[in-house]
Each structure stands twice: as C-alpha cells, then as structure tokens.
Amino acid sequence: SASRPNAGLVPPTDTPEKKELLVLVEMGRTFHLQGLSRADSAAWYSDIQASAGGRGNALRDQQLSRGDIPIIVDSCIAFITQYGLRHEGIYRKNGAKSRIKVLMEEFRRDARNVKLRISDNFIEDVTDVLKRFFRELEDPIFTLELHPQWKEAAGTS
C-alpha cells in the first residue's frame, strides 16, 4: 500500500505567476500543480485532503507510515513505549471515554498531524485508542479467509 500524500495551497501572492499553487508532498517528493483556475486548485486540494484522511475502519483507508504501518498504530506504540512501559497493567486500565473519542476523531481526520505528548495525553487514553482501532477494524488482522489455518495452528502443540 502506498502512503497517502500531504497537500497544501500556496496563495497567489506567494507565487511568481500570481496564481494559486497546489503543493503535494508524497514519499519524499514534492509536486507543484497549478490549475487553470482557483476552482480547479481548490477542487484538487479538497479531493487530495479527503483521500489523505483515514476516515474508514478498513486497513486500506488508513494513512500509512514509511514502513506501511497505519500511523495511528505507529504513534500509539511509540508513545506507549516511551512513557508507559513502567506502568503496571497499562492495557487493562481504562482511559476517559470523552478524551478517547476526541483522539480517535483526530486520528481519523488526519493521523499525520496528531502529535501525542505526555503533557497533553494520558497513557490509558492512548492504549484505549490503540485497542479500539484494532477492535473496530473492518478487516481483522487475522483475516477471515485465513481463520481455519489460524485455528489449526493454535491447536498445534
């Protein structure tokens, strides 16, 4: 799966041609696109931003890191590894439902721009977000088509 791009609009006043410019950054490459009109540029920007969000609950809908891991998973695990490993029962303790809901919405809107900080986020909220992400996946990690093989493997001593 390819990672999804970041896009930004550069105002006409900041470009040599005095036209709006769409800047697209994807996999370390930068593309500069110029529509025939502002409406073209705005429509492209809107479509790219919509496709960049991980709004769905399927793995294919997620924003991915360079290692093709959903950013929500990378971010949560990095945060938990840095701040939570000394806490007992971190995956058993519940976070606050209201904070978890807000954090999930932020990750779904644009995972790349969510910055988890120990000063702003509680470890239990982050572990709950990670658990909720896996629980709500449309296509489970242990896919339905491979379920019989997983059952067989589990029965092997």
C-alpha atoms as a PDB file:
ATOM      1  CA  SER A   1       0.000   0.000   0.000  1.00  0.00           C
ATOM      2  CA  ALA A   2       1.288   3.438  -0.825  1.00  0.00           C
ATOM      3  CA  SER A   3       1.281   6.192   1.759  1.00  0.00           C
ATOM      4  CA  ARG A   4      -1.193   8.985   1.296  1.00  0.00           C
ATOM      5  CA  PRO A   5       0.068  12.452   0.313  1.00  0.00           C
ATOM      6  CA  ASN A   6       0.089  15.728   2.218  1.00  0.00           C
ATOM      7  CA  ALA A   7      -1.173  18.715   0.272  1.00  0.00           C
ATOM      8  CA  GLY A   8      -1.168  22.459   0.745  1.00  0.00           C
ATOM      9  CA  LEU A   9      -2.302  25.514  -1.161  1.00  0.00           C
ATOM     10  CA  VAL A  10       0.141  28.369  -1.693  1.00  0.00           C
ATOM     11  CA  PRO A  11      -1.707  31.709  -2.015  1.00  0.00           C
ATOM     12  CA  PRO A  12      -1.409  33.631  -5.316  1.00  0.00           C
ATOM     13  CA  THR A  13       0.547  36.423  -3.610  1.00  0.00           C
ATOM     14  CA  ASP A  14       3.385  33.991  -2.796  1.00  0.00           C
ATOM     15  CA  THR A  15       3.889  32.620  -6.319  1.00  0.00           C
ATOM     16  CA  PRO A  16       5.809  34.228  -9.209  1.00  0.00           C
ATOM     17  CA  GLU A  17       2.865  33.859 -11.639  1.00  0.00           C
ATOM     18  CA  LYS A  18       0.458  35.311  -9.049  1.00  0.00           C
ATOM     19  CA  LYS A  19      -1.669  32.174  -9.376  1.00  0.00           C
ATOM     20  CA  GLU A  20      -2.668  29.735  -6.674  1.00  0.00           C
ATOM     21  CA  LEU A  21      -0.348  26.748  -6.500  1.00  0.00           C
ATOM     22  CA  LEU A  22      -1.038  23.308  -5.089  1.00  0.00           C
ATOM     23  CA  VAL A  23       1.991  21.732  -3.394  1.00  0.00           C
ATOM     24  CA  LEU A  24       1.815  17.968  -2.951  1.00  0.00           C
ATOM     25  CA  VAL A  25       4.390  16.089  -0.855  1.00  0.00           C
ATOM     26  CA  GLU A  26       4.381  12.314  -1.137  1.00  0.00           C
ATOM     27  CA  MET A  27       7.094   9.768  -0.257  1.00  0.00           C
ATOM     28  CA  GLY A  28       9.743  12.480  -0.011  1.00  0.00           C
ATOM     29  CA  ARG A  29       8.886  14.017  -3.401  1.00  0.00           C
ATOM     30  CA  THR A  30       7.342  17.444  -3.920  1.00  0.00           C
ATOM     31  CA  PHE A  31       4.991  18.255  -6.797  1.00  0.00           C
ATOM     32  CA  HIS A  32       3.834  21.749  -7.722  1.00  0.00           C
ATOM     33  CA  LEU A  33       0.496  21.790  -9.551  1.00  0.00           C
ATOM     34  CA  GLN A  34      -1.257  24.776 -10.999  1.00  0.00           C
ATOM     35  CA  GLY A  35      -4.874  24.631 -12.098  1.00  0.00           C
ATOM     36  CA  LEU A  36      -6.373  26.758 -14.837  1.00  0.00           C
ATOM     37  CA  SER A  37      -8.471  28.478 -12.200  1.00  0.00           C
ATOM     38  CA  ARG A  38      -8.692  28.815  -8.421  1.00  0.00           C
ATOM     39  CA  ALA A  39     -11.710  26.493  -8.536  1.00  0.00           C
ATOM     40  CA  ASP A  40      -9.550  23.748 -10.129  1.00  0.00           C
ATOM     41  CA  SER A  41      -6.858  24.108  -7.481  1.00  0.00           C
ATOM     42  CA  ALA A  42      -9.423  24.187  -4.663  1.00  0.00           C
ATOM     43  CA  ALA A  43     -11.163  21.059  -6.018  1.00  0.00           C
ATOM     44  CA  TRP A  44      -7.867  19.172  -6.316  1.00  0.00           C
ATOM     45  CA  TYR A  45      -6.887  20.245  -2.806  1.00  0.00           C
ATOM     46  CA  SER A  46     -10.235  19.171  -1.389  1.00  0.00           C
ATOM     47  CA  ASP A  47     -10.092  15.746  -3.081  1.00  0.00           C
ATOM     48  CA  ILE A  48      -6.491  15.109  -2.003  1.00  0.00           C
ATOM     49  CA  GLN A  49      -7.243  16.114   1.588  1.00  0.00           C
ATOM     50  CA  ALA A  50     -10.323  13.862   1.615  1.00  0.00           C
ATOM     51  CA  SER A  51      -8.305  10.901   0.344  1.00  0.00           C
ATOM     52  CA  ALA A  52      -5.486  11.639   2.801  1.00  0.00           C
ATOM     53  CA  GLY A  53      -7.715  11.139   5.834  1.00  0.00           C
ATOM     54  CA  GLY A  54      -8.085   7.697   7.347  1.00  0.00           C
ATOM     55  CA  ARG A  55     -11.825   8.019   7.853  1.00  0.00           C
ATOM     56  CA  GLY A  56     -12.810   4.400   7.340  1.00  0.00           C
ATOM     57  CA  ASN A  57     -12.337   1.390   9.575  1.00  0.00           C
ATOM     58  CA  ALA A  58     -10.556  -0.710   6.975  1.00  0.00           C
ATOM     59  CA  LEU A  59      -6.770  -1.040   6.772  1.00  0.00           C
ATOM     60  CA  ARG A  60      -6.883   0.279   3.191  1.00  0.00           C
ATOM     61  CA  ASP A  61      -8.384   3.559   4.484  1.00  0.00           C
ATOM     62  CA  GLN A  62      -5.553   4.374   6.895  1.00  0.00           C
ATOM     63  CA  GLN A  63      -2.746   6.870   6.494  1.00  0.00           C
ATOM     64  CA  LEU A  64       0.461   4.836   6.468  1.00  0.00           C
ATOM     65  CA  SER A  65       3.972   5.460   7.748  1.00  0.00           C
ATOM     66  CA  ARG A  66       7.030   4.899   5.556  1.00  0.00           C
ATOM     67  CA  GLY A  67       7.029   1.296   6.792  1.00  0.00           C
ATOM     68  CA  ASP A  68       3.426   0.806   5.566  1.00  0.00           C
ATOM     69  CA  ILE A  69       2.106   0.686   9.144  1.00  0.00           C
ATOM     70  CA  PRO A  70      -1.029   2.688   9.977  1.00  0.00           C
ATOM     71  CA  ILE A  71       0.180   5.946  11.547  1.00  0.00           C
ATOM     72  CA  ILE A  72      -2.284   5.558  14.423  1.00  0.00           C
ATOM     73  CA  VAL A  73      -0.533   2.276  15.368  1.00  0.00           C
ATOM     74  CA  ASP A  74       2.986   3.710  14.963  1.00  0.00           C
ATOM     75  CA  SER A  75       2.149   6.819  17.015  1.00  0.00           C
ATOM     76  CA  CYS A  76       0.409   4.985  19.839  1.00  0.00           C
ATOM     77  CA  ILE A  77       3.088   2.306  20.166  1.00  0.00           C
ATOM     78  CA  ALA A  78       5.894   4.896  20.106  1.00  0.00           C
ATOM     79  CA  PHE A  79       4.122   6.900  22.843  1.00  0.00           C
ATOM     80  CA  ILE A  80       3.425   3.812  24.969  1.00  0.00           C
ATOM     81  CA  THR A  81       6.996   2.563  24.545  1.00  0.00           C
ATOM     82  CA  GLN A  82       8.414   5.929  25.569  1.00  0.00           C
ATOM     83  CA  TYR A  83       6.120   6.719  28.500  1.00  0.00           C
ATOM     84  CA  GLY A  84       4.107   3.681  29.536  1.00  0.00           C
ATOM     85  CA  LEU A  85       6.323   0.636  29.908  1.00  0.00           C
ATOM     86  CA  ARG A  86       6.877   1.217  33.632  1.00  0.00           C
ATOM     87  CA  HIS A  87       3.129   1.435  34.330  1.00  0.00           C
ATOM     88  CA  GLU A  88       1.558  -1.776  35.572  1.00  0.00           C
ATOM     89  CA  GLY A  89      -1.469  -3.018  33.650  1.00  0.00           C
ATOM     90  CA  ILE A  90      -1.430  -0.235  31.073  1.00  0.00           C
ATOM     91  CA  TYR A  91      -3.632  -2.149  28.627  1.00  0.00           C
ATOM     92  CA  ARG A  92      -6.116  -3.073  31.378  1.00  0.00           C
ATOM     93  CA  LYS A  93      -6.695   0.424  32.770  1.00  0.00           C
ATOM     94  CA  ASN A  94      -9.388   2.435  31.045  1.00  0.00           C
ATOM     95  CA  GLY A  95      -8.955   5.964  29.797  1.00  0.00           C
ATOM     96  CA  ALA A  96     -11.611   8.682  29.718  1.00  0.00           C
ATOM     97  CA  LYS A  97     -14.242   7.976  27.050  1.00  0.00           C
ATOM     98  CA  SER A  98     -14.533  11.652  26.073  1.00  0.00           C
ATOM     99  CA  ARG A  99     -10.764  12.041  25.543  1.00  0.00           C
ATOM    100  CA  ILE A 100     -10.547   8.730  23.673  1.00  0.00           C
ATOM    101  CA  LYS A 101     -13.374   9.808  21.351  1.00  0.00           C
ATOM    102  CA  VAL A 102     -11.630  13.121  20.581  1.00  0.00           C
ATOM    103  CA  LEU A 103      -8.283  11.382  19.957  1.00  0.00           C
ATOM    104  CA  MET A 104      -9.880   8.788  17.648  1.00  0.00           C
ATOM    105  CA  GLU A 105     -11.574  11.579  15.675  1.00  0.00           C
ATOM    106  CA  GLU A 106      -8.254  13.431  15.344  1.00  0.00           C
ATOM    107  CA  PHE A 107      -6.505  10.291  14.060  1.00  0.00           C
ATOM    108  CA  ARG A 108      -9.332   9.613  11.595  1.00  0.00           C
ATOM    109  CA  ARG A 109      -9.343  13.201  10.347  1.00  0.00           C
ATOM    110  CA  ASP A 110      -5.589  13.371   9.718  1.00  0.00           C
ATOM    111  CA  ALA A 111      -3.324  10.913  11.542  1.00  0.00           C
ATOM    112  CA  ARG A 112      -0.141  12.602  10.291  1.00  0.00           C
ATOM    113  CA  ASN A 113      -0.930  15.748  12.210  1.00  0.00           C
ATOM    114  CA  VAL A 114      -1.704  14.123  15.568  1.00  0.00           C
ATOM    115  CA  LYS A 115       1.155  14.728  17.984  1.00  0.00           C
ATOM    116  CA  LEU A 116       0.951  12.658  21.156  1.00  0.00           C
ATOM    117  CA  ARG A 117       2.654  14.415  24.083  1.00  0.00           C
ATOM    118  CA  ILE A 118       2.935  13.291  27.686  1.00  0.00           C
ATOM    119  CA  SER A 119       1.887  16.797  28.762  1.00  0.00           C
ATOM    120  CA  ASP A 120      -1.350  16.544  26.732  1.00  0.00           C
ATOM    121  CA  ASN A 121      -2.238  12.829  26.602  1.00  0.00           C
ATOM    122  CA  PHE A 122      -2.823  10.181  29.246  1.00  0.00           C
ATOM    123  CA  ILE A 123      -1.221   6.761  28.713  1.00  0.00           C
ATOM    124  CA  GLU A 124      -4.535   4.965  29.385  1.00  0.00           C
ATOM    125  CA  ASP A 125      -6.243   7.062  26.682  1.00  0.00           C
ATOM    126  CA  VAL A 126      -3.567   6.148  24.135  1.00  0.00           C
ATOM    127  CA  THR A 127      -3.699   2.423  24.976  1.00  0.00           C
ATOM    128  CA  ASP A 128      -7.503   2.530  24.682  1.00  0.00           C
ATOM    129  CA  VAL A 129      -7.243   4.274  21.294  1.00  0.00           C
ATOM    130  CA  LEU A 130      -4.902   1.532  20.063  1.00  0.00           C
ATOM    131  CA  LYS A 131      -7.199  -1.236  21.370  1.00  0.00           C
ATOM    132  CA  ARG A 132     -10.247   0.481  19.877  1.00  0.00           C
ATOM    133  CA  PHE A 133      -8.539   0.847  16.497  1.00  0.00           C
ATOM    134  CA  PHE A 134      -7.860  -2.900  16.314  1.00  0.00           C
ATOM    135  CA  ARG A 135     -11.309  -3.793  17.684  1.00  0.00           C
ATOM    136  CA  GLU A 136     -13.113  -1.622  15.103  1.00  0.00           C
ATOM    137  CA  LEU A 137     -11.163  -2.744  12.033  1.00  0.00           C
ATOM    138  CA  GLU A 138     -13.465  -3.901   9.221  1.00  0.00           C
ATOM    139  CA  ASP A 139     -10.911  -6.427   8.050  1.00  0.00           C
ATOM    140  CA  PRO A 140      -9.428  -8.150  11.111  1.00  0.00           C
ATOM    141  CA  ILE A 141      -5.689  -8.669  11.422  1.00  0.00           C
ATOM    142  CA  PHE A 142      -6.341 -12.419  11.473  1.00  0.00           C
ATOM    143  CA  THR A 143      -8.337 -12.350   8.239  1.00  0.00           C
ATOM    144  CA  LEU A 144     -11.490 -14.403   7.870  1.00  0.00           C
ATOM    145  CA  GLU A 145     -10.084 -16.298   4.880  1.00  0.00           C
ATOM    146  CA  LEU A 146      -7.118 -17.492   6.951  1.00  0.00           C
ATOM    147  CA  HIS A 147      -9.172 -18.198  10.087  1.00  0.00           C
ATOM    148  CA  PRO A 148      -9.184 -22.005   9.588  1.00  0.00           C
ATOM    149  CA  GLN A 149      -5.367 -22.018   9.319  1.00  0.00           C
ATOM    150  CA  TRP A 150      -5.067 -19.879  12.472  1.00  0.00           C
ATOM    151  CA  LYS A 151      -7.357 -22.299  14.350  1.00  0.00           C
ATOM    152  CA  GLU A 152      -5.300 -25.235  13.121  1.00  0.00           C
ATOM    153  CA  ALA A 153      -2.066 -23.516  14.167  1.00  0.00           C
ATOM    154  CA  ALA A 154      -3.498 -22.732  17.608  1.00  0.00           C
ATOM    155  CA  GLY A 155      -4.258 -26.423  18.088  1.00  0.00           C
ATOM    156  CA  THR A 156      -0.684 -27.443  17.324  1.00  0.00           C
ATOM    157  CA  SER A 157       1.373 -28.139  20.428  1.00  0.00           C
END
